[in-house]
C-alpha atoms as a PDB file:
ATOM      1  CA  MET A   1     198.612 231.938 371.595  1.00  0.00           C
ATOM      2  CA  SER A   2     198.116 229.845 374.729  1.00  0.00           C
ATOM      3  CA  ASN A   3     195.989 230.857 377.696  1.00  0.00           C
ATOM      4  CA  VAL A   4     197.970 228.605 380.018  1.00  0.00           C
ATOM      5  CA  LYS A   5     199.601 230.436 382.919  1.00  0.00           C
ATOM      6  CA  ALA A   6     202.539 229.108 384.895  1.00  0.00           C
ATOM      7  CA  LEU A   7     201.834 229.281 388.596  1.00  0.00           C
ATOM      8  CA  PRO A   8     204.678 230.336 390.883  1.00  0.00           C
ATOM      9  CA  LEU A   9     206.013 227.756 393.302  1.00  0.00           C
ATOM     10  CA  LEU A  10     205.095 228.426 396.896  1.00  0.00           C
ATOM     11  CA  GLU A  11     207.858 228.994 399.387  1.00  0.00           C
ATOM     12  CA  SER A  12     207.746 226.599 402.299  1.00  0.00           C
ATOM     13  CA  ASP A  13     209.784 225.302 405.182  1.00  0.00           C
ATOM     14  CA  VAL A  14     208.975 221.707 404.152  1.00  0.00           C
ATOM     15  CA  ASP A  15     211.949 219.961 402.567  1.00  0.00           C
ATOM     16  CA  PRO A  16     211.323 218.760 399.038  1.00  0.00           C
ATOM     17  CA  CYS A  17     210.693 215.069 398.605  1.00  0.00           C
ATOM     18  CA  CYS A  18     213.637 214.653 396.336  1.00  0.00           C
ATOM     19  CA  PRO A  19     216.007 216.383 393.930  1.00  0.00           C
ATOM     20  CA  PRO A  20     215.254 216.937 390.243  1.00  0.00           C
ATOM     21  CA  LEU A  21     215.617 213.651 388.366  1.00  0.00           C
ATOM     22  CA  THR A  22     218.451 215.052 386.271  1.00  0.00           C
ATOM     23  CA  GLU A  23     220.488 216.151 389.302  1.00  0.00           C
ATOM     24  CA  ARG A  24     221.408 212.742 390.726  1.00  0.00           C
ATOM     25  CA  PRO A  25     219.945 209.276 391.260  1.00  0.00           C
ATOM     26  CA  LEU A  26     217.344 209.042 394.008  1.00  0.00           C
ATOM     27  CA  THR A  27     218.248 207.292 397.240  1.00  0.00           C
ATOM     28  CA  ALA A  28     216.149 204.306 398.262  1.00  0.00           C
ATOM     29  CA  GLU A  29     214.338 206.457 400.861  1.00  0.00           C
ATOM     30  CA  GLU A  30     213.631 209.263 398.367  1.00  0.00           C
ATOM     31  CA  ALA A  31     212.359 206.779 395.803  1.00  0.00           C
ATOM     32  CA  ALA A  32     210.048 205.100 398.335  1.00  0.00           C
ATOM     33  CA  ARG A  33     208.630 208.423 399.532  1.00  0.00           C
ATOM     34  CA  THR A  34     208.111 209.702 395.995  1.00  0.00           C
ATOM     35  CA  ALA A  35     206.611 206.425 394.760  1.00  0.00           C
ATOM     36  CA  ALA A  36     204.038 206.539 397.584  1.00  0.00           C
ATOM     37  CA  MET A  37     202.871 209.966 396.392  1.00  0.00           C
ATOM     38  CA  PHE A  38     202.622 208.939 392.750  1.00  0.00           C
ATOM     39  CA  LYS A  39     200.989 205.620 393.688  1.00  0.00           C
ATOM     40  CA  ALA A  40     198.312 207.493 395.629  1.00  0.00           C
ATOM     41  CA  LEU A  41     197.616 209.615 392.541  1.00  0.00           C
ATOM     42  CA  GLY A  42     197.645 206.540 390.288  1.00  0.00           C
ATOM     43  CA  ASP A  43     194.078 205.626 391.185  1.00  0.00           C
ATOM     44  CA  PRO A  44     191.477 207.448 389.035  1.00  0.00           C
ATOM     45  CA  VAL A  45     189.114 208.107 391.979  1.00  0.00           C
ATOM     46  CA  ARG A  46     191.963 209.487 394.103  1.00  0.00           C
ATOM     47  CA  LEU A  47     193.208 211.651 391.263  1.00  0.00           C
ATOM     48  CA  ARG A  48     189.693 213.013 390.787  1.00  0.00           C
ATOM     49  CA  LEU A  49     189.295 213.693 394.520  1.00  0.00           C
ATOM     50  CA  PHE A  50     192.693 215.372 394.592  1.00  0.00           C
ATOM     51  CA  SER A  51     191.668 217.529 391.633  1.00  0.00           C
ATOM     52  CA  LEU A  52     188.367 218.438 393.297  1.00  0.00           C
ATOM     53  CA  VAL A  53     190.156 219.578 396.451  1.00  0.00           C
ATOM     54  CA  ALA A  54     192.916 221.395 394.559  1.00  0.00           C
ATOM     55  CA  SER A  55     190.487 223.287 392.340  1.00  0.00           C
ATOM     56  CA  HIS A  56     187.920 224.073 395.029  1.00  0.00           C
ATOM     57  CA  GLU A  57     187.316 227.731 395.802  1.00  0.00           C
ATOM     58  CA  GLY A  58     189.476 228.914 398.687  1.00  0.00           C
ATOM     59  CA  GLY A  59     191.955 226.063 398.307  1.00  0.00           C
ATOM     60  CA  GLU A  60     190.130 223.704 400.622  1.00  0.00           C
ATOM     61  CA  ALA A  61     187.011 221.585 400.433  1.00  0.00           C
ATOM     62  CA  CYS A  62     184.640 220.060 402.924  1.00  0.00           C
ATOM     63  CA  VAL A  63     184.219 216.329 402.506  1.00  0.00           C
ATOM     64  CA  CYS A  64     180.521 217.085 402.018  1.00  0.00           C
ATOM     65  CA  ASP A  65     181.396 219.076 398.862  1.00  0.00           C
ATOM     66  CA  ILE A  66     183.557 216.438 397.199  1.00  0.00           C
ATOM     67  CA  SER A  67     181.682 213.212 397.779  1.00  0.00           C
ATOM     68  CA  ASP A  68     180.010 212.895 394.355  1.00  0.00           C
ATOM     69  CA  VAL A  69     182.670 210.950 392.438  1.00  0.00           C
ATOM     70  CA  GLY A  70     180.736 207.794 391.641  1.00  0.00           C
ATOM     71  CA  VAL A  71     181.672 205.763 394.727  1.00  0.00           C
ATOM     72  CA  SER A  72     180.119 205.408 398.169  1.00  0.00           C
ATOM     73  CA  GLN A  73     180.929 207.821 401.005  1.00  0.00           C
ATOM     74  CA  PRO A  74     182.982 205.212 402.914  1.00  0.00           C
ATOM     75  CA  THR A  75     185.056 204.664 399.761  1.00  0.00           C
ATOM     76  CA  VAL A  76     185.556 208.429 399.380  1.00  0.00           C
ATOM     77  CA  SER A  77     186.776 208.561 402.981  1.00  0.00           C
ATOM     78  CA  HIS A  78     189.157 205.665 402.322  1.00  0.00           C
ATOM     79  CA  HIS A  79     190.658 207.380 399.269  1.00  0.00           C
ATOM     80  CA  LEU A  80     190.994 210.719 401.080  1.00  0.00           C
ATOM     81  CA  LYS A  81     192.785 208.894 403.891  1.00  0.00           C
ATOM     82  CA  LYS A  82     195.220 207.364 401.385  1.00  0.00           C
ATOM     83  CA  LEU A  83     195.925 210.796 399.860  1.00  0.00           C
ATOM     84  CA  LYS A  84     196.524 212.186 403.334  1.00  0.00           C
ATOM     85  CA  GLU A  85     198.829 209.283 404.286  1.00  0.00           C
ATOM     86  CA  ALA A  86     200.846 209.930 401.124  1.00  0.00           C
ATOM     87  CA  GLY A  87     201.341 213.532 402.254  1.00  0.00           C
ATOM     88  CA  LEU A  88     199.321 215.052 399.421  1.00  0.00           C
ATOM     89  CA  LEU A  89     196.427 216.383 401.516  1.00  0.00           C
ATOM     90  CA  ALA A  90     196.062 217.879 404.964  1.00  0.00           C
ATOM     91  CA  SER A  91     192.810 217.827 406.890  1.00  0.00           C
ATOM     92  CA  GLU A  92     191.112 219.690 409.705  1.00  0.00           C
ATOM     93  CA  ARG A  93     187.955 218.728 411.565  1.00  0.00           C
ATOM     94  CA  ARG A  94     185.473 221.564 412.056  1.00  0.00           C
ATOM     95  CA  GLY A  95     182.454 220.403 413.981  1.00  0.00           C
ATOM     96  CA  THR A  96     181.091 217.333 412.249  1.00  0.00           C
ATOM     97  CA  TRP A  97     182.839 217.981 408.912  1.00  0.00           C
ATOM     98  CA  VAL A  98     186.414 217.415 407.784  1.00  0.00           C
ATOM     99  CA  TYR A  99     188.010 219.962 405.458  1.00  0.00           C
ATOM    100  CA  TYR A 100     190.824 218.957 403.109  1.00  0.00           C
ATOM    101  CA  ARG A 101     193.466 221.096 401.446  1.00  0.00           C
ATOM    102  CA  VAL A 102     196.356 220.308 399.147  1.00  0.00           C
ATOM    103  CA  GLU A 103     199.816 220.384 400.676  1.00  0.00           C
ATOM    104  CA  PRO A 104     201.397 223.022 398.399  1.00  0.00           C
ATOM    105  CA  ALA A 105     205.005 222.368 399.417  1.00  0.00           C
ATOM    106  CA  VAL A 106     204.765 218.709 398.460  1.00  0.00           C
ATOM    107  CA  ILE A 107     203.147 219.458 395.114  1.00  0.00           C
ATOM    108  CA  ALA A 108     205.724 222.156 394.382  1.00  0.00           C
ATOM    109  CA  ALA A 109     208.520 219.716 395.208  1.00  0.00           C
ATOM    110  CA  MET A 110     207.029 217.024 392.946  1.00  0.00           C
ATOM    111  CA  GLY A 111     206.650 219.552 390.143  1.00  0.00           C
ATOM    112  CA  GLN A 112     210.220 220.749 390.621  1.00  0.00           C
ATOM    113  CA  MET A 113     211.447 217.163 390.535  1.00  0.00           C
ATOM    114  CA  LEU A 114     209.706 216.488 387.214  1.00  0.00           C
ATOM    115  CA  GLY A 115     210.028 219.987 385.770  1.00  0.00           C
ATOM    116  CA  HIS A 116     213.802 219.891 385.430  1.00  0.00           C
ATOM    117  CA  VAL A 117     213.820 216.962 383.038  1.00  0.00           C
ATOM    118  CA  ALA A 118     215.177 218.147 379.701  1.00  0.00           C
ATOM    119  CA  ALA A 119     212.814 217.792 376.783  1.00  0.00           C
END
């Protein structure tokens, strides 16, 4: 018996990035937008940072809490910026620190896009 739980998709007013892959071919714009998200996650350091933010208690993490990933702080900042530019993270400055959180609507849309592929 598996201990894996399926998490419900969050409702949002953000339009999904694209339709399920089995619904219809992606337009050029949809493909470019989706590729940017997957490209951002294609780097092992970025994927690890994304995972650290996503799994952090409270759903958000201070940059001071996620900097120990084996690269320098300027490199961490660069990778966080790339994740934010791809629409995967949102950030908020509080005093001297920046807090990051995962954009749930985008992740839900990416999961929906891939989740409808028949096995």
